[in-house]
């Protein structure tokens, strides 16, 4: 909700509409590598996040986004978030968006910066829906 704008921190970012400063650790350091950032928020002794690391690596391979190119990453997420929107809510219980979302990110990230990309994953999800 808007009342949380610029009042959050952690794994979900700080909600200030600036994707360049979302990977800030508890100590205020900005990371560009998602693995280091997520590990910085672990709590407790000997916390192992192996499954999270595997899914993060798989996601990075699948989407081919350069995580240092914040504009590209931010754009890809914004474009693909339509799959998570109310527009497709009726389909979410019967058709998982996980694969489609990953493919959408890959499509958008593979696109040249100044080109409008048509996302086959969104069209495929809509067709199945």
N, C-alpha and C. Protein backbone atom coordinates (compact mmCIF):
# COMPACT_ATOMS: atom_id res chain seq x y z
N UNK A 1 0.82 -1.20 0.00
CA UNK A 1 0.00 0.00 0.00
C UNK A 1 0.87 1.27 0.00
N UNK A 2 0.37 2.37 -0.54
CA UNK A 2 1.14 3.61 -0.64
C UNK A 2 1.68 4.12 0.70
N UNK A 3 1.02 3.80 1.79
CA UNK A 3 1.51 4.30 3.09
C UNK A 3 2.86 3.68 3.47
N UNK A 4 3.27 2.62 2.78
CA UNK A 4 4.58 2.02 3.04
C UNK A 4 5.68 2.55 2.13
N UNK A 5 5.34 3.45 1.23
CA UNK A 5 6.31 4.00 0.28
C UNK A 5 7.51 4.59 1.02
N UNK A 6 8.70 4.16 0.62
CA UNK A 6 9.98 4.58 1.19
C UNK A 6 10.11 4.24 2.68
N UNK A 7 9.32 3.27 3.15
CA UNK A 7 9.38 2.89 4.56
C UNK A 7 9.66 1.40 4.73
N UNK A 8 10.12 0.74 3.66
CA UNK A 8 10.41 -0.68 3.74
C UNK A 8 11.91 -0.92 3.51
N UNK A 9 12.36 -2.12 3.84
CA UNK A 9 13.73 -2.53 3.55
C UNK A 9 13.75 -4.05 3.51
N UNK A 10 14.85 -4.59 3.08
CA UNK A 10 14.99 -6.04 3.06
C UNK A 10 14.89 -6.63 1.68
N UNK A 11 14.47 -7.88 1.63
CA UNK A 11 14.46 -8.63 0.38
C UNK A 11 13.50 -8.06 -0.66
N UNK A 12 12.51 -7.32 -0.23
CA UNK A 12 11.53 -6.75 -1.17
C UNK A 12 11.90 -5.33 -1.60
N UNK A 13 13.05 -4.84 -1.20
CA UNK A 13 13.45 -3.49 -1.60
C UNK A 13 12.88 -2.44 -0.67
N UNK A 14 13.06 -1.18 -1.07
CA UNK A 14 12.63 -0.08 -0.18
C UNK A 14 11.43 0.69 -0.70
N UNK A 15 10.87 0.28 -1.82
CA UNK A 15 9.61 0.84 -2.33
C UNK A 15 9.69 2.35 -2.51
N UNK A 16 10.75 2.78 -3.21
CA UNK A 16 10.89 4.21 -3.48
C UNK A 16 10.93 4.51 -4.98
N UNK A 17 10.52 3.54 -5.79
CA UNK A 17 10.51 3.67 -7.25
C UNK A 17 11.89 3.85 -7.87
N UNK A 18 12.93 3.47 -7.14
CA UNK A 18 14.29 3.53 -7.66
C UNK A 18 14.89 2.14 -7.54
N UNK A 19 14.86 1.36 -8.63
CA UNK A 19 15.38 -0.01 -8.55
C UNK A 19 16.89 -0.07 -8.33
N UNK A 20 17.59 1.02 -8.50
CA UNK A 20 19.04 1.03 -8.32
C UNK A 20 19.47 0.89 -6.88
N UNK A 21 18.58 1.11 -5.93
CA UNK A 21 18.98 0.99 -4.53
C UNK A 21 18.16 -0.06 -3.77
N UNK A 22 17.62 -1.03 -4.48
CA UNK A 22 16.82 -2.06 -3.82
C UNK A 22 17.66 -3.15 -3.14
N UNK A 23 18.87 -3.38 -3.62
CA UNK A 23 19.71 -4.43 -3.03
C UNK A 23 20.60 -3.86 -1.94
N UNK A 24 20.00 -3.26 -0.92
CA UNK A 24 20.75 -2.69 0.19
C UNK A 24 20.70 -3.65 1.37
N UNK A 25 21.87 -3.91 1.95
CA UNK A 25 21.96 -4.82 3.09
C UNK A 25 21.50 -4.12 4.37
N UNK A 26 21.42 -4.91 5.45
CA UNK A 26 21.06 -4.35 6.75
C UNK A 26 22.03 -3.26 7.18
N UNK A 27 23.26 -3.36 6.71
CA UNK A 27 24.30 -2.40 7.09
C UNK A 27 24.45 -1.26 6.09
N UNK A 28 23.58 -1.20 5.08
CA UNK A 28 23.58 -0.08 4.14
C UNK A 28 24.45 -0.25 2.91
N UNK A 29 25.05 -1.41 2.72
CA UNK A 29 25.89 -1.66 1.55
C UNK A 29 25.01 -2.06 0.38
N UNK A 30 25.33 -1.54 -0.80
CA UNK A 30 24.56 -1.90 -2.01
C UNK A 30 25.31 -3.00 -2.75
N UNK A 31 24.58 -4.10 -3.03
CA UNK A 31 25.14 -5.21 -3.80
C UNK A 31 24.55 -5.19 -5.21
N UNK A 32 25.32 -5.73 -6.15
CA UNK A 32 24.80 -5.91 -7.50
C UNK A 32 24.53 -7.38 -7.77
N UNK A 33 25.07 -8.27 -6.93
CA UNK A 33 24.87 -9.70 -7.10
C UNK A 33 23.77 -10.18 -6.16
N UNK A 34 22.74 -10.78 -6.72
CA UNK A 34 21.57 -11.17 -5.95
C UNK A 34 21.90 -12.18 -4.85
N UNK A 35 22.85 -13.09 -5.12
CA UNK A 35 23.19 -14.10 -4.11
C UNK A 35 23.77 -13.45 -2.86
N UNK A 36 24.70 -12.52 -3.04
CA UNK A 36 25.32 -11.85 -1.90
C UNK A 36 24.28 -11.02 -1.14
N UNK A 37 23.40 -10.37 -1.87
CA UNK A 37 22.37 -9.56 -1.24
C UNK A 37 21.44 -10.43 -0.39
N UNK A 38 20.94 -11.53 -0.97
CA UNK A 38 20.01 -12.36 -0.21
C UNK A 38 20.67 -12.98 1.01
N UNK A 39 21.93 -13.39 0.87
CA UNK A 39 22.64 -13.95 2.02
C UNK A 39 22.85 -12.91 3.12
N UNK A 40 22.92 -11.64 2.75
CA UNK A 40 23.14 -10.60 3.76
C UNK A 40 21.95 -10.46 4.71
N UNK A 41 20.80 -10.96 4.31
CA UNK A 41 19.59 -10.84 5.14
C UNK A 41 19.28 -12.12 5.92
N UNK A 42 20.16 -13.13 5.85
CA UNK A 42 19.94 -14.35 6.63
C UNK A 42 20.00 -14.03 8.11
N UNK A 43 19.26 -14.77 8.90
CA UNK A 43 19.28 -14.59 10.36
C UNK A 43 19.54 -15.93 11.04
N UNK A 44 20.03 -15.88 12.26
CA UNK A 44 20.30 -17.08 13.03
C UNK A 44 21.65 -17.68 12.73
N UNK A 45 22.00 -18.70 13.50
CA UNK A 45 23.29 -19.37 13.33
C UNK A 45 23.19 -20.45 12.27
N UNK A 46 24.20 -20.55 11.45
CA UNK A 46 24.31 -21.60 10.44
C UNK A 46 23.07 -21.73 9.56
N UNK A 47 22.52 -20.62 9.17
CA UNK A 47 21.35 -20.65 8.30
C UNK A 47 21.80 -21.07 6.90
N UNK A 48 21.15 -22.08 6.37
CA UNK A 48 21.51 -22.57 5.03
C UNK A 48 20.36 -22.27 4.08
N UNK A 49 20.68 -21.58 3.03
CA UNK A 49 19.66 -21.21 2.04
C UNK A 49 19.95 -21.88 0.71
N UNK A 50 20.31 -23.14 0.76
CA UNK A 50 20.71 -23.85 -0.45
C UNK A 50 19.61 -23.90 -1.49
N UNK A 51 18.38 -24.20 -1.08
CA UNK A 51 17.29 -24.30 -2.05
C UNK A 51 17.00 -22.94 -2.67
N UNK A 52 17.11 -21.88 -1.88
CA UNK A 52 16.91 -20.54 -2.42
C UNK A 52 18.01 -20.21 -3.41
N UNK A 53 19.24 -20.63 -3.13
CA UNK A 53 20.35 -20.38 -4.04
C UNK A 53 20.13 -21.11 -5.36
N UNK A 54 19.66 -22.36 -5.29
CA UNK A 54 19.43 -23.12 -6.51
C UNK A 54 18.35 -22.47 -7.36
N UNK A 55 17.26 -22.02 -6.73
CA UNK A 55 16.19 -21.41 -7.50
C UNK A 55 16.62 -20.06 -8.07
N UNK A 56 17.46 -19.32 -7.31
CA UNK A 56 17.97 -18.04 -7.80
C UNK A 56 18.85 -18.25 -9.02
N UNK A 57 19.74 -19.24 -8.95
CA UNK A 57 20.61 -19.52 -10.09
C UNK A 57 19.81 -19.97 -11.30
N UNK A 58 18.81 -20.81 -11.08
CA UNK A 58 17.96 -21.27 -12.18
C UNK A 58 17.22 -20.10 -12.80
N UNK A 59 16.71 -19.19 -11.94
CA UNK A 59 15.98 -18.04 -12.45
C UNK A 59 16.91 -17.17 -13.30
N UNK A 60 18.14 -16.94 -12.81
CA UNK A 60 19.08 -16.10 -13.56
C UNK A 60 19.41 -16.72 -14.91
N UNK A 61 19.60 -18.04 -14.94
CA UNK A 61 19.90 -18.71 -16.21
C UNK A 61 18.71 -18.62 -17.15
N UNK A 62 17.52 -18.77 -16.60
CA UNK A 62 16.31 -18.78 -17.41
C UNK A 62 16.04 -17.41 -18.03
N UNK A 63 16.23 -16.35 -17.25
CA UNK A 63 15.82 -15.05 -17.75
C UNK A 63 16.90 -14.30 -18.51
N UNK A 64 18.15 -14.72 -18.39
CA UNK A 64 19.25 -14.10 -19.13
C UNK A 64 19.36 -12.60 -18.94
N UNK A 65 18.82 -12.06 -17.88
CA UNK A 65 18.95 -10.64 -17.61
C UNK A 65 20.32 -10.37 -17.00
N UNK A 66 20.88 -9.26 -17.35
CA UNK A 66 22.10 -8.81 -16.70
C UNK A 66 21.67 -8.09 -15.43
N UNK A 67 21.96 -8.68 -14.28
CA UNK A 67 21.49 -8.12 -13.02
C UNK A 67 22.15 -6.77 -12.71
N UNK A 68 23.20 -6.43 -13.43
CA UNK A 68 23.82 -5.12 -13.22
C UNK A 68 23.14 -4.04 -14.05
N UNK A 69 22.33 -4.45 -15.00
CA UNK A 69 21.58 -3.50 -15.81
C UNK A 69 20.20 -3.35 -15.17
N UNK A 70 20.11 -2.45 -14.21
CA UNK A 70 18.89 -2.26 -13.43
C UNK A 70 17.71 -1.85 -14.29
N UNK A 71 17.97 -1.03 -15.28
CA UNK A 71 16.88 -0.58 -16.14
C UNK A 71 16.26 -1.75 -16.88
N UNK A 72 17.08 -2.63 -17.41
CA UNK A 72 16.60 -3.80 -18.14
C UNK A 72 15.82 -4.73 -17.20
N UNK A 73 16.37 -4.98 -16.03
CA UNK A 73 15.73 -5.86 -15.05
C UNK A 73 14.39 -5.28 -14.60
N UNK A 74 14.38 -4.00 -14.28
CA UNK A 74 13.18 -3.32 -13.83
C UNK A 74 12.10 -3.36 -14.91
N UNK A 75 12.49 -3.11 -16.15
CA UNK A 75 11.56 -3.13 -17.28
C UNK A 75 10.97 -4.53 -17.47
N UNK A 76 11.82 -5.54 -17.39
CA UNK A 76 11.36 -6.92 -17.59
C UNK A 76 10.32 -7.29 -16.53
N UNK A 77 10.61 -6.96 -15.29
CA UNK A 77 9.68 -7.29 -14.20
C UNK A 77 8.36 -6.53 -14.38
N UNK A 78 8.45 -5.25 -14.75
CA UNK A 78 7.23 -4.47 -14.96
C UNK A 78 6.37 -5.04 -16.08
N UNK A 79 7.00 -5.42 -17.17
CA UNK A 79 6.25 -5.97 -18.31
C UNK A 79 5.60 -7.30 -17.92
N UNK A 80 6.35 -8.15 -17.25
CA UNK A 80 5.88 -9.51 -16.96
C UNK A 80 4.91 -9.57 -15.78
N UNK A 81 4.89 -8.56 -14.96
CA UNK A 81 3.98 -8.55 -13.81
C UNK A 81 2.51 -8.59 -14.21
N UNK A 82 2.22 -8.34 -15.47
CA UNK A 82 0.82 -8.45 -15.92
C UNK A 82 0.31 -9.86 -15.68
N UNK A 83 1.22 -10.85 -15.72
CA UNK A 83 0.81 -12.23 -15.46
C UNK A 83 0.31 -12.42 -14.03
N UNK A 84 0.78 -11.58 -13.13
CA UNK A 84 0.38 -11.67 -11.71
C UNK A 84 -0.81 -10.78 -11.39
N UNK A 85 -1.27 -10.05 -12.37
CA UNK A 85 -2.32 -9.05 -12.15
C UNK A 85 -3.71 -9.66 -12.07
N UNK A 86 -4.66 -8.81 -11.72
CA UNK A 86 -6.07 -9.22 -11.62
C UNK A 86 -6.61 -9.69 -12.96
N UNK A 87 -6.02 -9.23 -14.03
CA UNK A 87 -6.45 -9.63 -15.37
C UNK A 87 -6.46 -11.15 -15.51
N UNK A 88 -5.47 -11.82 -14.91
CA UNK A 88 -5.35 -13.27 -15.01
C UNK A 88 -5.68 -13.99 -13.70
N UNK A 89 -6.22 -13.29 -12.73
CA UNK A 89 -6.47 -13.88 -11.41
C UNK A 89 -7.29 -15.18 -11.49
N UNK A 90 -8.28 -15.22 -12.35
CA UNK A 90 -9.13 -16.40 -12.45
C UNK A 90 -8.35 -17.63 -12.93
N UNK A 91 -7.22 -17.42 -13.56
CA UNK A 91 -6.43 -18.54 -14.10
C UNK A 91 -5.38 -19.05 -13.11
N UNK A 92 -5.02 -18.24 -12.13
CA UNK A 92 -3.91 -18.57 -11.24
C UNK A 92 -4.10 -19.89 -10.48
N UNK A 93 -5.32 -20.26 -10.18
CA UNK A 93 -5.54 -21.50 -9.43
C UNK A 93 -5.38 -22.74 -10.29
N UNK A 94 -5.60 -22.62 -11.58
CA UNK A 94 -5.52 -23.80 -12.44
C UNK A 94 -4.26 -23.83 -13.32
N UNK A 95 -3.66 -22.66 -13.57
CA UNK A 95 -2.47 -22.61 -14.42
C UNK A 95 -1.37 -21.83 -13.69
N UNK A 96 -0.29 -22.50 -13.36
CA UNK A 96 0.81 -21.86 -12.64
C UNK A 96 1.48 -20.82 -13.55
N UNK A 97 1.79 -19.67 -12.97
CA UNK A 97 2.46 -18.64 -13.77
C UNK A 97 3.98 -18.75 -13.72
N UNK A 98 4.51 -19.63 -12.88
CA UNK A 98 5.96 -19.69 -12.66
C UNK A 98 6.75 -19.83 -13.95
N UNK A 99 6.44 -20.83 -14.75
CA UNK A 99 7.17 -21.05 -15.99
C UNK A 99 6.95 -19.90 -16.97
N UNK A 100 5.72 -19.45 -17.08
CA UNK A 100 5.40 -18.37 -18.01
C UNK A 100 6.11 -17.08 -17.60
N UNK A 101 6.16 -16.80 -16.30
CA UNK A 101 6.82 -15.60 -15.82
C UNK A 101 8.32 -15.64 -16.15
N UNK A 102 8.94 -16.78 -15.91
CA UNK A 102 10.37 -16.94 -16.22
C UNK A 102 10.64 -16.78 -17.71
N UNK A 103 9.77 -17.35 -18.53
CA UNK A 103 9.94 -17.22 -19.98
C UNK A 103 9.71 -15.78 -20.44
N UNK A 104 8.76 -15.12 -19.80
CA UNK A 104 8.50 -13.72 -20.12
C UNK A 104 9.73 -12.87 -19.80
N UNK A 105 10.30 -13.08 -18.61
CA UNK A 105 11.52 -12.33 -18.25
C UNK A 105 12.62 -12.58 -19.25
N UNK A 106 12.76 -13.83 -19.66
CA UNK A 106 13.78 -14.18 -20.65
C UNK A 106 13.53 -13.45 -21.97
N UNK A 107 12.27 -13.44 -22.42
CA UNK A 107 11.92 -12.74 -23.67
C UNK A 107 12.29 -11.26 -23.60
N UNK A 108 11.85 -10.62 -22.54
CA UNK A 108 12.06 -9.17 -22.41
C UNK A 108 13.53 -8.85 -22.23
N UNK A 109 14.23 -9.67 -21.46
CA UNK A 109 15.66 -9.42 -21.23
C UNK A 109 16.50 -9.66 -22.48
N UNK A 110 16.02 -10.53 -23.36
CA UNK A 110 16.76 -10.81 -24.59
C UNK A 110 16.54 -9.73 -25.65
N UNK A 111 15.59 -8.89 -25.42
CA UNK A 111 15.23 -7.84 -26.37
C UNK A 111 16.23 -6.69 -26.32
N UNK A 112 16.50 -6.08 -27.44
CA UNK A 112 17.36 -4.90 -27.46
C UNK A 112 16.66 -3.75 -26.75
N UNK A 113 17.45 -2.89 -26.12
CA UNK A 113 16.91 -1.85 -25.25
C UNK A 113 15.85 -0.94 -25.87
N UNK A 114 16.06 -0.48 -27.04
CA UNK A 114 15.14 0.50 -27.61
C UNK A 114 14.12 -0.14 -28.55
N UNK A 115 13.81 -1.40 -28.32
CA UNK A 115 12.87 -2.12 -29.17
C UNK A 115 11.70 -2.57 -28.32
N UNK A 116 10.53 -2.47 -28.84
CA UNK A 116 9.35 -2.97 -28.13
C UNK A 116 9.26 -4.47 -28.38
N UNK A 117 9.18 -5.23 -27.29
CA UNK A 117 9.13 -6.69 -27.42
C UNK A 117 7.72 -7.20 -27.17
N UNK A 118 7.31 -8.09 -28.00
CA UNK A 118 6.04 -8.76 -27.79
C UNK A 118 6.36 -10.06 -27.06
N UNK A 119 5.72 -10.26 -25.97
CA UNK A 119 6.06 -11.39 -25.12
C UNK A 119 5.20 -12.61 -25.43
N UNK A 120 5.83 -13.62 -25.99
CA UNK A 120 5.12 -14.85 -26.33
C UNK A 120 4.58 -15.55 -25.09
N UNK A 121 5.29 -15.43 -23.99
CA UNK A 121 4.85 -16.10 -22.75
C UNK A 121 3.51 -15.53 -22.28
N UNK A 122 3.33 -14.24 -22.38
CA UNK A 122 2.06 -13.63 -21.98
C UNK A 122 0.94 -14.10 -22.89
N UNK A 123 1.21 -14.13 -24.18
CA UNK A 123 0.22 -14.60 -25.14
C UNK A 123 -0.11 -16.07 -24.90
N UNK A 124 0.90 -16.88 -24.61
CA UNK A 124 0.67 -18.31 -24.34
C UNK A 124 -0.17 -18.52 -23.09
N UNK A 125 0.13 -17.73 -22.05
CA UNK A 125 -0.63 -17.84 -20.81
C UNK A 125 -2.09 -17.43 -21.04
N UNK A 126 -2.26 -16.35 -21.78
CA UNK A 126 -3.61 -15.88 -22.09
C UNK A 126 -4.38 -16.93 -22.88
N UNK A 127 -3.71 -17.58 -23.81
CA UNK A 127 -4.36 -18.62 -24.61
C UNK A 127 -4.77 -19.79 -23.75
N UNK A 128 -3.87 -20.25 -22.85
CA UNK A 128 -4.21 -21.36 -21.96
C UNK A 128 -5.30 -20.98 -20.97
N UNK A 129 -5.29 -19.72 -20.57
CA UNK A 129 -6.29 -19.23 -19.63
C UNK A 129 -7.66 -19.27 -20.27
